[in-house]
Protein backbone atom coordinates (compact mmCIF):
# COMPACT_ATOMS: atom_id res chain seq x y z
CA MET A 1 0.00 0.00 0.00
CA ARG A 2 1.12 3.52 -0.82
CA VAL A 3 -0.23 6.83 0.36
CA LEU A 4 -0.72 9.42 -2.36
CA SER A 5 -2.08 12.91 -1.90
CA ASP A 6 -4.58 14.55 -4.19
CA ARG A 7 -4.86 18.19 -5.30
CA MET A 8 -6.02 19.29 -1.87
CA GLY A 9 -3.18 17.50 -0.12
CA VAL A 10 -5.46 14.83 1.33
CA GLY A 11 -3.68 11.50 1.54
CA ARG A 12 -5.30 8.25 0.58
CA GLU A 13 -4.13 4.71 0.36
CA VAL A 14 -3.92 3.04 -3.01
CA GLU A 15 -3.01 -0.53 -3.82
CA SER A 16 -0.69 0.35 -6.66
CA ALA A 17 0.76 3.43 -8.23
CA ARG A 18 -1.30 2.75 -11.36
CA GLU A 19 -4.66 3.40 -9.68
CA PRO A 20 -5.69 6.96 -10.52
CA ILE A 21 -5.83 9.20 -7.49
CA PHE A 22 -9.06 10.92 -8.56
CA SER A 23 -10.87 7.89 -9.95
CA ARG A 24 -13.47 7.76 -7.22
CA ARG A 25 -13.92 11.41 -6.27
CA SER A 26 -16.16 13.86 -8.01
CA PRO A 27 -14.67 17.27 -8.78
CA VAL A 28 -18.10 18.84 -8.27
CA MET A 29 -18.89 17.06 -5.03
CA PRO A 30 -15.47 16.12 -3.58
CA ASN A 31 -16.89 14.21 -0.62
CA VAL A 32 -19.13 12.06 -2.80
CA SER A 33 -17.79 9.30 -5.01
CA ARG A 34 -18.64 9.40 -8.71
CA GLU A 35 -20.69 6.23 -8.31
CA LYS A 36 -22.83 7.79 -5.56
CA ARG A 37 -23.23 11.00 -7.55
CA THR A 38 -24.31 9.04 -10.64
CA GLU A 39 -26.82 7.09 -8.51
CA ARG A 40 -28.27 10.34 -7.19
CA GLU A 41 -28.52 11.86 -10.65
CA VAL A 42 -30.28 8.78 -12.02
CA ARG A 43 -32.71 8.81 -9.07
CA ASN A 44 -33.48 12.49 -9.67
CA ILE A 45 -34.01 11.98 -13.39
CA VAL A 46 -36.35 9.07 -12.70
CA ARG A 47 -38.32 11.16 -10.22
CA LYS A 48 -38.68 14.09 -12.61
CA SER A 49 -39.34 12.16 -15.79
CA GLY A 50 -41.42 9.51 -14.06
CA SER A 51 -43.89 12.00 -12.68
CA GLN A 52 -44.01 13.86 -16.01
CA LYS A 53 -44.61 10.67 -18.00
CA GLU A 54 -47.31 9.39 -15.68
CA LYS A 55 -49.55 12.39 -16.18
CA SER A 56 -50.13 14.75 -19.05
CA PRO A 57 -49.93 18.48 -18.31
CA SER A 58 -53.72 18.70 -18.62
CA ARG A 59 -54.16 16.03 -15.95
CA MET A 60 -51.63 17.76 -13.72
CA ILE A 61 -53.61 21.01 -14.04
CA ASP A 62 -56.79 19.06 -13.25
CA GLY A 63 -55.01 17.73 -10.17
CA ARG A 64 -53.96 21.21 -9.07
CA ILE A 65 -57.53 22.50 -9.41
CA LYS A 66 -58.83 19.56 -7.39
CA GLU A 67 -56.02 19.89 -4.82
CA LEU A 68 -56.84 23.56 -4.20
CA GLY A 69 -60.51 22.75 -3.63
CA ASP A 70 -61.51 26.32 -2.77
CA TRP A 71 -62.23 29.56 -4.62
CA ARG A 72 -58.73 29.46 -6.15
CA GLY A 73 -59.43 26.12 -7.81
CA LYS A 74 -62.73 27.40 -9.18
CA MET A 75 -61.06 30.59 -10.45
CA LEU A 76 -58.21 28.68 -12.10
CA SER A 77 -60.75 26.36 -13.71
CA GLN A 78 -62.78 29.31 -15.01
CA LEU A 79 -59.68 31.03 -16.41
CA ARG A 80 -58.59 27.79 -18.04
CA ALA A 81 -61.98 27.40 -19.73
CA LEU A 82 -61.82 31.00 -20.99
CA ILE A 83 -58.40 30.56 -22.55
CA LYS A 84 -59.54 27.38 -24.29
CA GLN A 85 -62.60 29.22 -25.63
CA ALA A 86 -60.51 32.16 -26.80
CA ASP A 87 -57.91 29.93 -28.48
CA PRO A 88 -58.90 26.32 -29.17
CA GLY A 89 -55.35 25.65 -30.46
CA VAL A 90 -53.71 26.47 -27.12
CA THR A 91 -51.23 23.99 -25.61
CA GLU A 92 -51.29 23.30 -21.90
CA GLU A 93 -47.96 22.75 -20.19
CA TRP A 94 -46.69 22.14 -16.65
CA LYS A 95 -43.47 23.99 -15.85
CA TRP A 96 -41.31 25.39 -13.08
CA ARG A 97 -42.22 22.88 -10.37
CA GLY A 98 -45.95 23.14 -10.70
CA VAL A 99 -47.06 26.17 -12.68
CA PRO A 100 -49.74 25.71 -15.33
CA VAL A 101 -48.68 27.36 -18.59
CA TRP A 102 -50.61 27.99 -21.80
CA SER A 103 -48.80 28.56 -25.08
CA HIS A 104 -49.43 28.99 -28.78
CA HIS A 105 -46.44 29.97 -30.96
CA GLY A 106 -44.73 30.73 -27.66
CA LEU A 107 -45.73 31.36 -24.08
CA ILE A 108 -49.07 33.16 -23.68
CA ARG A 109 -49.67 33.11 -19.97
CA THR A 110 -49.15 31.32 -16.67
CA GLY A 111 -51.73 30.49 -14.02
CA GLU A 112 -50.13 30.83 -10.60
CA THR A 113 -52.02 30.29 -7.36
CA TYR A 114 -51.12 31.93 -4.08
CA LYS A 115 -52.81 32.12 -0.70
CA ASN A 116 -54.85 35.26 -1.46
CA VAL A 117 -54.67 35.53 -5.22
CA VAL A 118 -54.80 33.67 -8.53
CA LYS A 119 -52.32 35.39 -10.83
CA MET A 120 -52.62 35.30 -14.60
CA THR A 121 -49.27 36.48 -16.00
CA PHE A 122 -49.02 37.33 -19.68
CA ALA A 123 -45.46 36.74 -20.90
CA LYS A 124 -45.52 39.63 -23.39
CA GLY A 125 -48.23 41.64 -21.68
CA ALA A 126 -46.40 44.97 -21.93
CA ALA A 127 -46.70 44.78 -25.72
CA LEU A 128 -50.48 44.23 -25.60
CA GLU A 129 -53.21 46.85 -25.76
CA ASP A 130 -55.38 46.69 -22.63
CA PRO A 131 -58.33 49.03 -23.29
CA SER A 132 -60.40 47.47 -20.48
CA GLY A 133 -57.64 47.97 -17.92
CA LEU A 134 -57.49 44.32 -16.84
CA PHE A 135 -53.79 44.37 -15.98
CA ASN A 136 -53.41 45.23 -12.31
CA SER A 137 -50.06 43.67 -11.37
CA SER A 138 -46.45 43.63 -12.62
CA LEU A 139 -47.08 46.97 -14.30
CA GLU A 140 -43.55 48.32 -13.87
CA GLY A 141 -41.76 45.80 -16.10
CA ASN A 142 -40.90 46.09 -19.78
CA THR A 143 -42.13 42.64 -20.79
CA ARG A 144 -44.81 40.97 -18.74
CA ARG A 145 -48.09 42.06 -17.19
CA ALA A 146 -50.37 40.23 -14.80
CA ILE A 147 -53.93 40.17 -13.57
CA ASP A 148 -54.49 39.31 -9.92
CA PHE A 149 -57.85 37.74 -9.12
CA ARG A 150 -58.96 37.76 -5.49
CA GLU A 151 -61.77 35.84 -3.84
CA GLY A 152 -65.11 37.19 -5.02
CA ASP A 153 -63.72 39.04 -8.07
CA LYS A 154 -65.83 38.92 -11.21
CA VAL A 155 -64.08 38.07 -14.46
CA ASP A 156 -64.74 40.29 -17.47
CA GLU A 157 -64.90 37.34 -19.85
CA LYS A 158 -65.24 39.35 -23.06
CA ALA A 159 -62.25 41.60 -22.30
CA LEU A 160 -60.13 38.67 -21.08
CA LYS A 161 -60.81 36.64 -24.22
CA ALA A 162 -59.85 39.66 -26.35
CA LEU A 163 -56.59 39.99 -24.38
CA ILE A 164 -55.84 36.27 -24.86
CA ARG A 165 -56.51 36.51 -28.60
CA ALA A 166 -54.24 39.56 -28.82
CA ALA A 167 -51.46 37.63 -27.04
CA VAL A 168 -51.83 34.72 -29.47
CA ALA A 169 -51.77 37.11 -32.45
CA LEU A 170 -48.63 38.79 -31.08
CA ASN A 171 -46.91 35.40 -30.68
CA ALA A 172 -47.95 34.36 -34.21
CA SER A 173 -46.62 37.59 -35.74
CA ARG A 174 -43.27 37.18 -33.98
CA ALA A 175 -43.07 33.49 -34.94
CA ARG A 176 -43.09 34.40 -38.64
CA LEU A 177 -40.09 36.71 -38.31
């Protein structure tokens, strides 16, 4: 047995001089062997992809609505129905650890739920005309705009559908460029 030291000066016993000093240590996680790190990565990939493969984004959104079970679930369900009416070609997605997303030629909007509000964020909202004044949140930015819905708020369905259609048209015009 010989004792060799690695880059950090830590000695370790090796059976022969031919065994690489760094063969078992990860440069990213020095205290974890490469085998352990690979195991962890595989486990994480299986967790992420397994849950995504089991359920479609639409079912995951259904699950979120059911999980909320209060006014927020009803509001999210109503907003979801309105976006599908406004744009039948919309694609539902599930991103960022549990945020429902709707897209068509690019991201249209997200549907976030918080304790006191359901937030509908339009990705390119700053570029949209809002004659009805629906946007009431994230007004200071140069790109996005949001609408916060609180318990008991009424949804102006006609104005919201017009805003959704405008967002889809904006995405389609930029997709052609």
